Amino acid sequence: MSAVLPVALFALAGVLAGGVWSTLRQGAPKVLTGLLAVLTLLAAAGGVLWLMPQDG
């Protein structure tokens, strides 16, 4: 399970990044694009943090 979660988070970040790109190209409201961008960064950061070694 611990190996699946970061892959899923990175996959989610990729899908969300595609959504950001799509909303930018279609001229969607900037609030929606910004929200998707924040969610993308959170998913990617979660994947990175999950892979970092824990001290202790």
Protein backbone atom coordinates (compact mmCIF):
# COMPACT_ATOMS: atom_id res chain seq x y z
CA MET A 1 0.00 0.00 0.00
CA SER A 2 2.81 2.42 0.79
CA ALA A 3 4.15 2.16 -2.77
CA VAL A 4 0.76 2.74 -4.39
CA LEU A 5 -0.20 5.99 -2.67
CA PRO A 6 2.59 8.23 -4.04
CA VAL A 7 1.99 6.90 -7.54
CA ALA A 8 -1.71 7.68 -7.17
CA LEU A 9 -0.93 11.17 -5.89
CA PHE A 10 1.41 11.85 -8.82
CA ALA A 11 -1.19 10.51 -11.24
CA LEU A 12 -3.80 12.79 -9.68
CA ALA A 13 -1.40 15.72 -9.95
CA GLY A 14 -0.90 14.94 -13.64
CA VAL A 15 -4.63 14.81 -14.32
CA LEU A 16 -5.16 18.05 -12.43
CA ALA A 17 -2.29 19.71 -14.31
CA GLY A 18 -4.04 18.75 -17.54
CA GLY A 19 -7.20 20.31 -16.16
CA VAL A 20 -5.32 23.53 -15.40
CA TRP A 21 -3.95 23.64 -18.92
CA SER A 22 -7.38 22.93 -20.40
CA THR A 23 -9.12 25.61 -18.35
CA LEU A 24 -6.46 28.15 -19.32
CA ARG A 25 -6.92 27.38 -23.01
CA GLN A 26 -10.71 27.58 -22.79
CA GLY A 27 -10.69 30.90 -20.99
CA ALA A 28 -12.29 29.68 -17.77
CA PRO A 29 -12.45 32.00 -14.76
CA LYS A 30 -9.09 32.57 -13.10
CA VAL A 31 -10.49 31.46 -9.74
CA LEU A 32 -11.22 27.98 -11.10
CA THR A 33 -7.82 27.75 -12.74
CA GLY A 34 -6.12 28.90 -9.55
CA LEU A 35 -8.04 26.37 -7.45
CA LEU A 36 -7.04 23.55 -9.80
CA ALA A 37 -3.43 24.73 -9.70
CA VAL A 38 -3.41 24.71 -5.89
CA LEU A 39 -4.90 21.21 -5.83
CA THR A 40 -2.26 20.10 -8.33
CA LEU A 41 0.54 21.43 -6.15
CA LEU A 42 -0.95 19.81 -3.04
CA ALA A 43 -1.20 16.41 -4.73
CA ALA A 44 2.36 16.61 -6.05
CA ALA A 45 3.68 17.80 -2.68
CA GLY A 46 1.85 14.96 -0.97
CA GLY A 47 3.51 12.45 -3.28
CA VAL A 48 6.94 13.91 -2.64
CA LEU A 49 6.44 14.07 1.12
CA TRP A 50 5.19 10.49 1.21
CA LEU A 51 8.41 9.31 -0.46
CA MET A 52 10.72 11.21 1.88
CA PRO A 53 12.37 9.10 4.58
CA GLN A 54 11.18 9.53 8.12
CA ASP A 55 13.67 10.02 10.94
CA GLY A 56 13.22 7.86 13.94
